[in-house]
């Protein structure tokens, strides 16, 4: 993963997963939320690194 568009797509997909998880069930799996949130943090960090290199 390296292109800005690829990273943006991954961010969108992870945000959608989080949203679906939080709104799908009355029971929220803390482990799943943490896992997706950590992955989203990593992808956002990569996104900012790529954007800083471009600018």
PDB file of N, CA and C in Angstrom:
ATOM      1  N   UNK A   1       0.861  -1.173   0.000  1.00  0.00           N
ATOM      2  CA  UNK A   1       0.000   0.000   0.000  1.00  0.00           C
ATOM      3  C   UNK A   1       0.904   1.231   0.000  1.00  0.00           C
ATOM      4  N   UNK A   2       0.714   2.092  -0.988  1.00  0.00           N
ATOM      5  CA  UNK A   2       1.569   3.242  -1.029  1.00  0.00           C
ATOM      6  C   UNK A   2       0.957   4.430  -1.739  1.00  0.00           C
ATOM      7  N   UNK A   3       0.109   4.162  -2.711  1.00  0.00           N
ATOM      8  CA  UNK A   3      -0.536   5.261  -3.414  1.00  0.00           C
ATOM      9  C   UNK A   3      -1.557   5.932  -2.512  1.00  0.00           C
ATOM     10  N   UNK A   4      -1.657   7.234  -2.661  1.00  0.00           N
ATOM     11  CA  UNK A   4      -2.586   8.000  -1.831  1.00  0.00           C
ATOM     12  C   UNK A   4      -4.002   7.452  -1.984  1.00  0.00           C
ATOM     13  N   UNK A   5      -4.401   7.146  -3.203  1.00  0.00           N
ATOM     14  CA  UNK A   5      -5.758   6.657  -3.433  1.00  0.00           C
ATOM     15  C   UNK A   5      -5.999   5.321  -2.731  1.00  0.00           C
ATOM     16  N   UNK A   6      -5.000   4.452  -2.742  1.00  0.00           N
ATOM     17  CA  UNK A   6      -5.121   3.156  -2.071  1.00  0.00           C
ATOM     18  C   UNK A   6      -5.290   3.341  -0.566  1.00  0.00           C
ATOM     19  N   UNK A   7      -4.518   4.252  -0.015  1.00  0.00           N
ATOM     20  CA  UNK A   7      -4.583   4.522   1.422  1.00  0.00           C
ATOM     21  C   UNK A   7      -5.929   5.150   1.774  1.00  0.00           C
ATOM     22  N   UNK A   8      -6.390   6.064   0.943  1.00  0.00           N
ATOM     23  CA  UNK A   8      -7.690   6.683   1.185  1.00  0.00           C
ATOM     24  C   UNK A   8      -8.806   5.644   1.139  1.00  0.00           C
ATOM     25  N   UNK A   9      -8.713   4.705   0.200  1.00  0.00           N
ATOM     26  CA  UNK A   9      -9.712   3.622   0.110  1.00  0.00           C
ATOM     27  C   UNK A   9      -9.687   2.754   1.362  1.00  0.00           C
ATOM     28  N   UNK A  10      -8.495   2.465   1.857  1.00  0.00           N
ATOM     29  CA  UNK A  10      -8.365   1.652   3.076  1.00  0.00           C
ATOM     30  C   UNK A  10      -8.948   2.390   4.278  1.00  0.00           C
ATOM     31  N   UNK A  11      -8.691   3.694   4.368  1.00  0.00           N
ATOM     32  CA  UNK A  11      -9.245   4.498   5.462  1.00  0.00           C
ATOM     33  C   UNK A  11     -10.768   4.451   5.415  1.00  0.00           C
ATOM     34  N   UNK A  12     -11.326   4.631   4.240  1.00  0.00           N
ATOM     35  CA  UNK A  12     -12.779   4.599   4.084  1.00  0.00           C
ATOM     36  C   UNK A  12     -13.340   3.241   4.477  1.00  0.00           C
ATOM     37  N   UNK A  13     -12.678   2.176   4.055  1.00  0.00           N
ATOM     38  CA  UNK A  13     -13.150   0.828   4.379  1.00  0.00           C
ATOM     39  C   UNK A  13     -13.105   0.563   5.885  1.00  0.00           C
ATOM     40  N   UNK A  14     -12.039   0.983   6.540  1.00  0.00           N
ATOM     41  CA  UNK A  14     -11.920   0.771   7.987  1.00  0.00           C
ATOM     42  C   UNK A  14     -12.942   1.591   8.759  1.00  0.00           C
ATOM     43  N   UNK A  15     -13.165   2.824   8.319  1.00  0.00           N
ATOM     44  CA  UNK A  15     -14.172   3.657   8.977  1.00  0.00           C
ATOM     45  C   UNK A  15     -15.557   3.046   8.817  1.00  0.00           C
ATOM     46  N   UNK A  16     -15.821   2.478   7.644  1.00  0.00           N
ATOM     47  CA  UNK A  16     -17.107   1.818   7.407  1.00  0.00           C
ATOM     48  C   UNK A  16     -17.256   0.595   8.308  1.00  0.00           C
ATOM     49  N   UNK A  17     -16.180  -0.190   8.440  1.00  0.00           N
ATOM     50  CA  UNK A  17     -16.208  -1.368   9.323  1.00  0.00           C
ATOM     51  C   UNK A  17     -16.513  -0.961  10.756  1.00  0.00           C
ATOM     52  N   UNK A  18     -15.860   0.091  11.211  1.00  0.00           N
ATOM     53  CA  UNK A  18     -16.090   0.576  12.570  1.00  0.00           C
ATOM     54  C   UNK A  18     -17.533   1.023  12.753  1.00  0.00           C
ATOM     55  N   UNK A  19     -18.020   1.788  11.800  1.00  0.00           N
ATOM     56  CA  UNK A  19     -19.386   2.283  11.865  1.00  0.00           C
ATOM     57  C   UNK A  19     -20.386   1.124  11.888  1.00  0.00           C
ATOM     58  N   UNK A  20     -20.187   0.140  11.018  1.00  0.00           N
ATOM     59  CA  UNK A  20     -21.085  -1.007  10.969  1.00  0.00           C
ATOM     60  C   UNK A  20     -21.035  -1.798  12.269  1.00  0.00           C
ATOM     61  N   UNK A  21     -19.856  -1.959  12.803  1.00  0.00           N
ATOM     62  CA  UNK A  21     -19.705  -2.701  14.047  1.00  0.00           C
ATOM     63  C   UNK A  21     -20.413  -1.993  15.198  1.00  0.00           C
ATOM     64  N   UNK A  22     -20.294  -0.702  15.249  1.00  0.00           N
ATOM     65  CA  UNK A  22     -20.885   0.065  16.341  1.00  0.00           C
ATOM     66  C   UNK A  22     -22.406   0.171  16.232  1.00  0.00           C
ATOM     67  N   UNK A  23     -22.941   0.114  14.995  1.00  0.00           N
ATOM     68  CA  UNK A  23     -24.372   0.292  14.817  1.00  0.00           C
ATOM     69  C   UNK A  23     -25.114  -1.009  14.519  1.00  0.00           C
ATOM     70  N   UNK A  24     -24.383  -2.069  14.279  1.00  0.00           N
ATOM     71  CA  UNK A  24     -24.992  -3.340  13.876  1.00  0.00           C
ATOM     72  C   UNK A  24     -25.606  -4.082  15.059  1.00  0.00           C
ATOM     73  N   UNK A  25     -24.912  -4.120  16.146  1.00  0.00           N
ATOM     74  CA  UNK A  25     -25.334  -4.932  17.283  1.00  0.00           C
ATOM     75  C   UNK A  25     -25.479  -4.089  18.543  1.00  0.00           C
ATOM     76  N   UNK A  26     -26.307  -4.594  19.434  1.00  0.00           N
ATOM     77  CA  UNK A  26     -26.379  -3.980  20.755  1.00  0.00           C
ATOM     78  C   UNK A  26     -25.131  -4.333  21.562  1.00  0.00           C
ATOM     79  N   UNK A  27     -24.554  -5.495  21.261  1.00  0.00           N
ATOM     80  CA  UNK A  27     -23.351  -5.947  21.948  1.00  0.00           C
ATOM     81  C   UNK A  27     -22.139  -5.562  21.103  1.00  0.00           C
ATOM     82  N   UNK A  28     -21.289  -4.742  21.641  1.00  0.00           N
ATOM     83  CA  UNK A  28     -20.095  -4.296  20.921  1.00  0.00           C
ATOM     84  C   UNK A  28     -18.893  -5.068  21.444  1.00  0.00           C
ATOM     85  N   UNK A  29     -18.197  -5.700  20.532  1.00  0.00           N
ATOM     86  CA  UNK A  29     -16.984  -6.419  20.895  1.00  0.00           C
ATOM     87  C   UNK A  29     -15.834  -5.423  21.021  1.00  0.00           C
ATOM     88  N   UNK A  30     -15.418  -5.187  22.237  1.00  0.00           N
ATOM     89  CA  UNK A  30     -14.335  -4.235  22.498  1.00  0.00           C
ATOM     90  C   UNK A  30     -13.065  -4.629  21.748  1.00  0.00           C
ATOM     91  N   UNK A  31     -12.792  -5.912  21.698  1.00  0.00           N
ATOM     92  CA  UNK A  31     -11.590  -6.391  21.017  1.00  0.00           C
ATOM     93  C   UNK A  31     -11.623  -6.027  19.534  1.00  0.00           C
ATOM     94  N   UNK A  32     -12.771  -6.209  18.885  1.00  0.00           N
ATOM     95  CA  UNK A  32     -12.883  -5.880  17.466  1.00  0.00           C
ATOM     96  C   UNK A  32     -12.749  -4.378  17.234  1.00  0.00           C
ATOM     97  N   UNK A  33     -13.373  -3.589  18.089  1.00  0.00           N
ATOM     98  CA  UNK A  33     -13.293  -2.133  17.959  1.00  0.00           C
ATOM     99  C   UNK A  33     -11.849  -1.672  18.106  1.00  0.00           C
ATOM    100  N   UNK A  34     -11.156  -2.194  19.081  1.00  0.00           N
ATOM    101  CA  UNK A  34      -9.751  -1.822  19.308  1.00  0.00           C
ATOM    102  C   UNK A  34      -8.893  -2.236  18.121  1.00  0.00           C
ATOM    103  N   UNK A  35      -9.108  -3.444  17.602  1.00  0.00           N
ATOM    104  CA  UNK A  35      -8.317  -3.941  16.474  1.00  0.00           C
ATOM    105  C   UNK A  35      -8.493  -3.041  15.250  1.00  0.00           C
ATOM    106  N   UNK A  36      -9.737  -2.725  14.917  1.00  0.00           N
ATOM    107  CA  UNK A  36      -9.995  -1.878  13.756  1.00  0.00           C
ATOM    108  C   UNK A  36      -9.462  -0.468  13.998  1.00  0.00           C
ATOM    109  N   UNK A  37      -9.633   0.056  15.193  1.00  0.00           N
ATOM    110  CA  UNK A  37      -9.141   1.398  15.524  1.00  0.00           C
ATOM    111  C   UNK A  37      -7.622   1.478  15.404  1.00  0.00           C
ATOM    112  N   UNK A  38      -6.933   0.458  15.874  1.00  0.00           N
ATOM    113  CA  UNK A  38      -5.466   0.439  15.770  1.00  0.00           C
ATOM    114  C   UNK A  38      -5.028   0.379  14.314  1.00  0.00           C
ATOM    115  N   UNK A  39      -5.719  -0.431  13.525  1.00  0.00           N
ATOM    116  CA  UNK A  39      -5.376  -0.527  12.104  1.00  0.00           C
ATOM    117  C   UNK A  39      -5.641   0.816  11.413  1.00  0.00           C
ATOM    118  N   UNK A  40      -6.755   1.451  11.768  1.00  0.00           N
ATOM    119  CA  UNK A  40      -7.080   2.760  11.200  1.00  0.00           C
ATOM    120  C   UNK A  40      -6.012   3.783  11.582  1.00  0.00           C
ATOM    121  N   UNK A  41      -5.546   3.762  12.810  1.00  0.00           N
ATOM    122  CA  UNK A  41      -4.475   4.673  13.249  1.00  0.00           C
ATOM    123  C   UNK A  41      -3.214   4.483  12.405  1.00  0.00           C
ATOM    124  N   UNK A  42      -2.860   3.229  12.148  1.00  0.00           N
ATOM    125  CA  UNK A  42      -1.667   2.936  11.353  1.00  0.00           C
ATOM    126  C   UNK A  42      -1.818   3.455   9.921  1.00  0.00           C
ATOM    127  N   UNK A  43      -2.993   3.239   9.344  1.00  0.00           N
ATOM    128  CA  UNK A  43      -3.225   3.676   7.968  1.00  0.00           C
ATOM    129  C   UNK A  43      -3.263   5.200   7.894  1.00  0.00           C
ATOM    130  N   UNK A  44      -3.862   5.844   8.883  1.00  0.00           N
ATOM    131  CA  UNK A  44      -3.872   7.313   8.909  1.00  0.00           C
ATOM    132  C   UNK A  44      -2.459   7.874   9.042  1.00  0.00           C
ATOM    133  N   UNK A  45      -1.636   7.223   9.826  1.00  0.00           N
ATOM    134  CA  UNK A  45      -0.240   7.648   9.970  1.00  0.00           C
ATOM    135  C   UNK A  45       0.484   7.528   8.626  1.00  0.00           C
ATOM    136  N   UNK A  46       0.282   6.414   7.942  1.00  0.00           N
ATOM    137  CA  UNK A  46       0.871   6.220   6.619  1.00  0.00           C
ATOM    138  C   UNK A  46       0.373   7.285   5.648  1.00  0.00           C
ATOM    139  N   UNK A  47      -0.903   7.585   5.691  1.00  0.00           N
ATOM    140  CA  UNK A  47      -1.503   8.599   4.823  1.00  0.00           C
ATOM    141  C   UNK A  47      -0.821   9.951   5.038  1.00  0.00           C
ATOM    142  N   UNK A  48      -0.638  10.330   6.288  1.00  0.00           N
ATOM    143  CA  UNK A  48      -0.004  11.618   6.574  1.00  0.00           C
ATOM    144  C   UNK A  48       1.460  11.639   6.123  1.00  0.00           C
ATOM    145  N   UNK A  49       2.151  10.528   6.248  1.00  0.00           N
ATOM    146  CA  UNK A  49       3.532  10.462   5.779  1.00  0.00           C
ATOM    147  C   UNK A  49       3.596  10.646   4.263  1.00  0.00           C
ATOM    148  N   UNK A  50       2.679   9.975   3.554  1.00  0.00           N
ATOM    149  CA  UNK A  50       2.655  10.093   2.107  1.00  0.00           C
ATOM    150  C   UNK A  50       2.310  11.522   1.690  1.00  0.00           C
ATOM    151  N   UNK A  51       1.301  12.101   2.319  1.00  0.00           N
ATOM    152  CA  UNK A  51       0.892  13.460   1.978  1.00  0.00           C
ATOM    153  C   UNK A  51       2.008  14.463   2.261  1.00  0.00           C
ATOM    154  N   UNK A  52       2.773  14.268   3.337  1.00  0.00           N
ATOM    155  CA  UNK A  52       3.875  15.176   3.658  1.00  0.00           C
ATOM    156  C   UNK A  52       4.991  15.083   2.623  1.00  0.00           C
ATOM    157  N   UNK A  53       5.218  13.889   2.070  1.00  0.00           N
ATOM    158  CA  UNK A  53       6.243  13.736   1.034  1.00  0.00           C
ATOM    159  C   UNK A  53       5.821  14.425  -0.249  1.00  0.00           C
ATOM    160  N   UNK A  54       4.514  14.418  -0.536  1.00  0.00           N
ATOM    161  CA  UNK A  54       4.002  15.032  -1.767  1.00  0.00           C
ATOM    162  C   UNK A  54       4.100  16.551  -1.673  1.00  0.00           C
ATOM    163  N   UNK A  55       3.783  17.079  -0.512  1.00  0.00           N
ATOM    164  CA  UNK A  55       3.761  18.544  -0.339  1.00  0.00           C
ATOM    165  C   UNK A  55       5.105  19.024  -0.013  1.00  0.00           C
TER     166      UNK A  55
END
